C-alpha atoms as a PDB file:
ATOM      1  CA  PHE A   1      -2.863 -13.393  25.729  1.00  0.00           C
ATOM      2  CA  TRP A   2       0.885 -14.101  25.686  1.00  0.00           C
ATOM      3  CA  GLU A   3       0.256 -17.490  24.048  1.00  0.00           C
ATOM      4  CA  GLU A   4      -1.861 -15.834  21.340  1.00  0.00           C
ATOM      5  CA  SER A   5       0.920 -13.328  20.623  1.00  0.00           C
ATOM      6  CA  ASP A   6       3.500 -16.113  20.593  1.00  0.00           C
ATOM      7  CA  SER A   7       1.413 -18.049  18.069  1.00  0.00           C
ATOM      8  CA  ALA A   8       0.968 -14.921  15.944  1.00  0.00           C
ATOM      9  CA  ALA A   9       4.731 -14.339  15.939  1.00  0.00           C
ATOM     10  CA  HIS A  10       5.347 -18.002  15.101  1.00  0.00           C
ATOM     11  CA  TYR A  11       2.979 -18.013  12.131  1.00  0.00           C
ATOM     12  CA  ALA A  12       4.255 -14.664  10.868  1.00  0.00           C
ATOM     13  CA  GLN A  13       7.799 -16.057  10.939  1.00  0.00           C
ATOM     14  CA  LEU A  14       6.647 -19.187   9.104  1.00  0.00           C
ATOM     15  CA  ALA A  15       5.077 -16.982   6.430  1.00  0.00           C
ATOM     16  CA  ILE A  16       8.292 -14.967   6.106  1.00  0.00           C
ATOM     17  CA  ASP A  17      10.316 -18.182   5.778  1.00  0.00           C
ATOM     18  CA  GLY A  18       7.872 -19.416   3.131  1.00  0.00           C
ATOM     19  CA  TYR A  19       8.187 -16.200   1.178  1.00  0.00           C
ATOM     20  CA  GLY A  20      11.955 -16.546   1.469  1.00  0.00           C
ATOM     21  CA  GLN A  21      11.886 -19.945  -0.226  1.00  0.00           C
ATOM     22  CA  ILE A  22       9.817 -18.533  -3.087  1.00  0.00           C
ATOM     23  CA  LEU A  23      12.070 -15.503  -3.423  1.00  0.00           C
ATOM     24  CA  LYS A  24      15.222 -17.607  -3.711  1.00  0.00           C
ATOM     25  CA  ASP A  25      13.884 -19.046  -6.961  1.00  0.00           C
ATOM     26  CA  ASP A  26      11.889 -16.115  -8.297  1.00  0.00           C
ATOM     27  CA  PRO A  27      12.063 -12.569  -6.845  1.00  0.00           C
ATOM     28  CA  SER A  28       8.953 -11.691  -8.842  1.00  0.00           C
ATOM     29  CA  GLY A  29       7.006 -14.417  -7.032  1.00  0.00           C
ATOM     30  CA  VAL A  30       6.219 -12.206  -4.030  1.00  0.00           C
ATOM     31  CA  GLU A  31       5.444  -8.506  -3.958  1.00  0.00           C
ATOM     32  CA  PRO A  32       7.218  -6.411  -1.295  1.00  0.00           C
ATOM     33  CA  ILE A  33       3.846  -5.228   0.078  1.00  0.00           C
ATOM     34  CA  GLU A  34       3.087  -8.817   1.148  1.00  0.00           C
ATOM     35  CA  LEU A  35       6.312  -8.907   3.122  1.00  0.00           C
ATOM     36  CA  LYS A  36       5.508  -5.488   4.591  1.00  0.00           C
ATOM     37  CA  ARG A  37       2.225  -6.812   6.002  1.00  0.00           C
ATOM     38  CA  THR A  38       3.837  -9.956   7.386  1.00  0.00           C
ATOM     39  CA  TYR A  39       6.741  -8.125   9.029  1.00  0.00           C
ATOM     40  CA  SER A  40       4.272  -5.653  10.551  1.00  0.00           C
ATOM     41  CA  ASN A  41       2.288  -8.553  12.021  1.00  0.00           C
ATOM     42  CA  LEU A  42       5.503 -10.049  13.406  1.00  0.00           C
ATOM     43  CA  GLY A  43       6.458  -6.694  14.929  1.00  0.00           C
ATOM     44  CA  ILE A  44       3.070  -6.285  16.611  1.00  0.00           C
ATOM     45  CA  ALA A  45       3.215  -9.805  18.074  1.00  0.00           C
ATOM     46  CA  CYS A  46       6.776  -9.292  19.379  1.00  0.00           C
ATOM     47  CA  ARG A  47       5.809  -5.937  20.878  1.00  0.00           C
ATOM     48  CA  GLN A  48       2.867  -7.487  22.717  1.00  0.00           C
ATOM     49  CA  MET A  49       5.226 -10.031  24.283  1.00  0.00           C
ATOM     50  CA  GLY A  50       7.746  -7.381  25.315  1.00  0.00           C
ATOM     51  CA  ARG A  51      10.338  -8.584  22.786  1.00  0.00           C
ATOM     52  CA  PHE A  52      11.124  -5.008  21.858  1.00  0.00           C
ATOM     53  CA  GLU A  53      14.391  -5.433  19.939  1.00  0.00           C
ATOM     54  CA  GLU A  54      12.776  -8.083  17.735  1.00  0.00           C
ATOM     55  CA  ALA A  55       9.791  -5.803  17.223  1.00  0.00           C
ATOM     56  CA  ILE A  56      12.000  -2.892  16.141  1.00  0.00           C
ATOM     57  CA  ALA A  57      13.873  -5.151  13.699  1.00  0.00           C
ATOM     58  CA  ALA A  58      10.583  -6.401  12.228  1.00  0.00           C
ATOM     59  CA  PHE A  59       9.209  -2.882  11.761  1.00  0.00           C
ATOM     60  CA  ASP A  60      12.502  -1.837  10.151  1.00  0.00           C
ATOM     61  CA  GLN A  61      12.024  -4.692   7.701  1.00  0.00           C
ATOM     62  CA  ALA A  62       8.442  -3.562   7.089  1.00  0.00           C
ATOM     63  CA  ARG A  63       9.702  -0.053   6.284  1.00  0.00           C
ATOM     64  CA  SER A  64      12.209  -1.454   3.817  1.00  0.00           C
ATOM     65  CA  ALA A  65       9.573  -3.617   2.144  1.00  0.00           C
ATOM     66  CA  LEU A  66       7.272  -0.611   1.812  1.00  0.00           C
ATOM     67  CA  TYR A  67      10.111   1.436   0.326  1.00  0.00           C
ATOM     68  CA  LEU A  68      10.786  -1.354  -2.189  1.00  0.00           C
ATOM     69  CA  GLN A  69       7.095  -1.500  -3.108  1.00  0.00           C
ATOM     70  CA  GLN A  70       7.272   2.208  -3.936  1.00  0.00           C
ATOM     71  CA  ARG A  71      10.259   1.527  -6.174  1.00  0.00           C
ATOM     72  CA  ALA A  72       8.378  -1.286  -7.895  1.00  0.00           C
ATOM     73  CA  ASP A  73       5.283   0.890  -8.411  1.00  0.00           C
ATOM     74  CA  ALA A  74       7.472   3.640  -9.880  1.00  0.00           C
ATOM     75  CA  GLN A  75       9.064   1.082 -12.240  1.00  0.00           C
ATOM     76  CA  ASP A  76      12.492   1.987 -10.920  1.00  0.00           C
ATOM     77  CA  PRO A  77      15.145   0.199 -13.033  1.00  0.00           C
ATOM     78  CA  ASP A  78      17.152  -0.478  -9.854  1.00  0.00           C
ATOM     79  CA  PHE A  79      14.230  -2.157  -8.110  1.00  0.00           C
ATOM     80  CA  GLU A  80      15.127  -5.756  -8.893  1.00  0.00           C
ATOM     81  CA  SER A  81      18.762  -5.425  -7.807  1.00  0.00           C
ATOM     82  CA  GLN A  82      17.673  -3.650  -4.600  1.00  0.00           C
ATOM     83  CA  PHE A  83      15.085  -6.340  -3.926  1.00  0.00           C
ATOM     84  CA  ARG A  84      17.662  -9.113  -4.422  1.00  0.00           C
ATOM     85  CA  GLN A  85      20.096  -7.293  -2.114  1.00  0.00           C
ATOM     86  CA  TRP A  86      17.419  -6.996   0.556  1.00  0.00           C
ATOM     87  CA  ILE A  87      16.427 -10.656   0.248  1.00  0.00           C
ATOM     88  CA  ALA A  88      20.051 -11.752   0.602  1.00  0.00           C
ATOM     89  CA  ALA A  89      20.548  -9.584   3.712  1.00  0.00           C
ATOM     90  CA  ARG A  90      17.386 -10.596   5.600  1.00  0.00           C
ATOM     91  CA  PRO A  91      18.957 -13.408   7.673  1.00  0.00           C
ATOM     92  CA  GLN A  92      21.456 -10.942   9.139  1.00  0.00           C
ATOM     93  CA  GLY A  93      18.721  -8.995  10.908  1.00  0.00           C
ATOM     94  CA  ARG A  94      17.809  -5.421  10.125  1.00  0.00           C
ATOM     95  CA  ALA A  95      17.326  -4.639   6.468  1.00  0.00           C
ATOM     96  CA  VAL A  96      20.302  -3.079   4.746  1.00  0.00           C
ATOM     97  CA  LEU A  97      18.099  -0.593   2.929  1.00  0.00           C
ATOM     98  CA  VAL A  98      16.767   1.133   6.028  1.00  0.00           C
ATOM     99  CA  ALA A  99      19.492   3.780   5.981  1.00  0.00           C
ATOM    100  CA  ASP A 100      18.752   4.529   2.332  1.00  0.00           C
ATOM    101  CA  ILE A 101      15.012   4.991   2.662  1.00  0.00           C
ATOM    102  CA  ARG A 102      13.872   8.397   1.469  1.00  0.00           C
ATOM    103  CA  GLU A 103      10.290   7.794   2.615  1.00  0.00           C
ATOM    104  CA  VAL A 104       8.739  10.092   0.039  1.00  0.00           C
ATOM    105  CA  ALA A 105       5.234   8.859   0.543  1.00  0.00           C
ATOM    106  CA  ASP A 106       2.441   9.077  -1.963  1.00  0.00           C
ATOM    107  CA  SER A 107      -1.253   8.672  -1.242  1.00  0.00           C
ATOM    108  CA  ASN A 108      -0.871   4.881  -1.392  1.00  0.00           C
ATOM    109  CA  THR A 109       1.927   4.627   1.152  1.00  0.00           C
ATOM    110  CA  ALA A 110       1.591   7.563   3.564  1.00  0.00           C
ATOM    111  CA  LEU A 111      -0.961   5.706   5.695  1.00  0.00           C
ATOM    112  CA  ASP A 112       1.256   2.609   5.799  1.00  0.00           C
ATOM    113  CA  TYR A 113       4.260   4.652   6.924  1.00  0.00           C
ATOM    114  CA  ALA A 114       2.143   6.334   9.621  1.00  0.00           C
ATOM    115  CA  LYS A 115       1.004   2.915  10.888  1.00  0.00           C
ATOM    116  CA  ILE A 116       4.570   1.616  11.079  1.00  0.00           C
ATOM    117  CA  TYR A 117       5.746   4.669  13.027  1.00  0.00           C
ATOM    118  CA  HIS A 118       2.775   4.455  15.385  1.00  0.00           C
ATOM    119  CA  ASN A 119       3.642   0.809  16.028  1.00  0.00           C
ATOM    120  CA  LEU A 120       7.254   1.786  16.670  1.00  0.00           C
ATOM    121  CA  THR A 121       6.015   4.463  19.076  1.00  0.00           C
ATOM    122  CA  GLU A 122       4.258   1.781  21.122  1.00  0.00           C
ATOM    123  CA  VAL A 123       7.504  -0.181  21.245  1.00  0.00           C
ATOM    124  CA  TYR A 124       9.476   2.845  22.447  1.00  0.00           C
ATOM    125  CA  LEU A 125       6.817   3.693  25.024  1.00  0.00           C
ATOM    126  CA  GLY A 126       7.037   0.109  26.262  1.00  0.00           C
ATOM    127  CA  MET A 127      10.806   0.582  26.581  1.00  0.00           C
ATOM    128  CA  ASN A 128      10.194   3.916  28.372  1.00  0.00           C
ATOM    129  CA  ASP A 129      12.352   5.660  25.768  1.00  0.00           C
ATOM    130  CA  LEU A 130      10.390   8.884  25.445  1.00  0.00           C
ATOM    131  CA  GLY A 131      12.944  10.483  23.129  1.00  0.00           C
ATOM    132  CA  LEU A 132      12.619   7.801  20.465  1.00  0.00           C
ATOM    133  CA  ALA A 133       8.849   7.722  20.996  1.00  0.00           C
ATOM    134  CA  GLU A 134       8.637  11.449  20.323  1.00  0.00           C
ATOM    135  CA  GLY A 135      10.721  11.168  17.160  1.00  0.00           C
ATOM    136  CA  SER A 136       8.585   8.313  15.891  1.00  0.00           C
ATOM    137  CA  LEU A 137       5.375  10.232  16.569  1.00  0.00           C
ATOM    138  CA  GLN A 138       6.729  13.258  14.724  1.00  0.00           C
ATOM    139  CA  LYS A 139       7.487  11.102  11.684  1.00  0.00           C
ATOM    140  CA  ALA A 140       3.998   9.599  11.793  1.00  0.00           C
ATOM    141  CA  ASP A 141       2.521  13.104  11.976  1.00  0.00           C
ATOM    142  CA  ARG A 142       4.470  14.075   8.875  1.00  0.00           C
ATOM    143  CA  PHE A 143       2.857  11.296   6.867  1.00  0.00           C
ATOM    144  CA  LEU A 144      -0.584  11.936   8.349  1.00  0.00           C
ATOM    145  CA  ALA A 145      -0.299  15.577   7.301  1.00  0.00           C
ATOM    146  CA  LYS A 146       0.045  14.420   3.692  1.00  0.00           C
ATOM    147  CA  LEU A 147      -3.160  12.427   4.024  1.00  0.00           C
ATOM    148  CA  LEU A 148      -5.161  15.084   5.848  1.00  0.00           C
ATOM    149  CA  ALA A 149      -4.172  17.917   3.511  1.00  0.00           C
ATOM    150  CA  ASP A 150      -7.088  17.026   1.239  1.00  0.00           C
ATOM    151  CA  PRO A 151     -10.233  16.631   3.404  1.00  0.00           C
ATOM    152  CA  ALA A 152     -12.178  15.206   0.463  1.00  0.00           C
ATOM    153  CA  SER A 153      -9.919  12.142   0.366  1.00  0.00           C
ATOM    154  CA  VAL A 154      -9.971  11.466   4.115  1.00  0.00           C
ATOM    155  CA  GLY A 155     -11.812   8.259   4.968  1.00  0.00           C
ATOM    156  CA  GLN A 156     -12.381   6.187   8.092  1.00  0.00           C
ATOM    157  CA  ALA A 157      -8.907   4.625   7.978  1.00  0.00           C
ATOM    158  CA  GLU A 158      -7.229   8.025   7.967  1.00  0.00           C
ATOM    159  CA  LYS A 159      -9.489   9.343  10.742  1.00  0.00           C
ATOM    160  CA  TYR A 160      -8.779   6.288  12.865  1.00  0.00           C
ATOM    161  CA  GLN A 161      -5.024   6.660  12.409  1.00  0.00           C
ATOM    162  CA  GLN A 162      -5.217  10.340  13.342  1.00  0.00           C
ATOM    163  CA  ALA A 163      -7.160   9.477  16.510  1.00  0.00           C
ATOM    164  CA  TYR A 164      -4.684   6.709  17.329  1.00  0.00           C
ATOM    165  CA  GLY A 165      -1.833   9.191  16.928  1.00  0.00           C
ATOM    166  CA  ASN A 166      -3.520  11.620  19.319  1.00  0.00           C
ATOM    167  CA  TRP A 167      -3.956   8.816  21.852  1.00  0.00           C
ATOM    168  CA  LEU A 168      -0.245   7.986  21.578  1.00  0.00           C
ATOM    169  CA  TRP A 169       0.648  11.661  22.029  1.00  0.00           C
ATOM    170  CA  ALA A 170      -1.579  11.695  25.129  1.00  0.00           C
ATOM    171  CA  THR A 171       0.253   8.653  26.502  1.00  0.00           C
ATOM    172  CA  TRP A 172       3.611  10.287  25.786  1.00  0.00           C
ATOM    173  CA  SER A 173       2.530  13.589  27.390  1.00  0.00           C
ATOM    174  CA  GLN A 174       1.306  11.786  30.491  1.00  0.00           C
ATOM    175  CA  ALA A 175       4.643   9.964  30.787  1.00  0.00           C
ATOM    176  CA  LYS A 176       6.395  13.348  30.571  1.00  0.00           C
ATOM    177  CA  GLY A 177       4.182  14.720  33.350  1.00  0.00           C
ATOM    178  CA  ARG A 178       2.460  17.184  31.010  1.00  0.00           C
ATOM    179  CA  TYR A 179      -1.049  16.355  32.122  1.00  0.00           C
ATOM    180  CA  ALA A 180      -2.968  19.298  30.640  1.00  0.00           C
ATOM    181  CA  GLU A 181      -1.419  18.496  27.272  1.00  0.00           C
ATOM    182  CA  ALA A 182      -2.362  14.835  27.687  1.00  0.00           C
ATOM    183  CA  VAL A 183      -5.989  15.793  28.343  1.00  0.00           C
ATOM    184  CA  SER A 184      -5.975  17.967  25.237  1.00  0.00           C
ATOM    185  CA  TYR A 185      -4.745  15.055  23.108  1.00  0.00           C
ATOM    186  CA  CYS A 186      -7.369  12.758  24.644  1.00  0.00           C
ATOM    187  CA  ASP A 187     -10.072  15.258  23.717  1.00  0.00           C
ATOM    188  CA  ALA A 188      -8.719  15.406  20.161  1.00  0.00           C
ATOM    189  CA  ALA A 189      -8.666  11.608  19.932  1.00  0.00           C
ATOM    190  CA  MET A 190     -12.337  11.414  20.937  1.00  0.00           C
ATOM    191  CA  ALA A 191     -13.476  14.275  18.707  1.00  0.00           C
END
């Protein structure tokens, strides 16, 4: 299992490096959403190997890429300069735009934000940092609430993410010693 995760991390990093070469010549050659997916895959692989700091950095990059995709979709005139700034800063680690993210999700990005925060929750649970795990779960819930507000638009992906969130809340509650609450979340996850 560890070898599979190591290979996944290796290939995700190769993909990121490949995108980087393209982006040096032509920032329009790669859409931010492609980088979001690749950084998410890298984060998951690092998390599975217990490389938690690397996982957090990768998910931070995924958040920044998703934010930039929103700016591109909105035809923000500052998008290209922000994208170039982000590309230039990538080798230094965490994305410089993370602190500036407003995370105003629309129907196209709310699910992606929820997924990133659920993945971060797993990292924090692995680190036994229940405070950060709780904060991450609360942020994921905020984005899920946007999705679930209109039952007519809720599909299998949204239902799965909601169930996954309940399972993570159950895990968090169990770690806090709140067992009745954990059972309640388990029941909700299986509903």
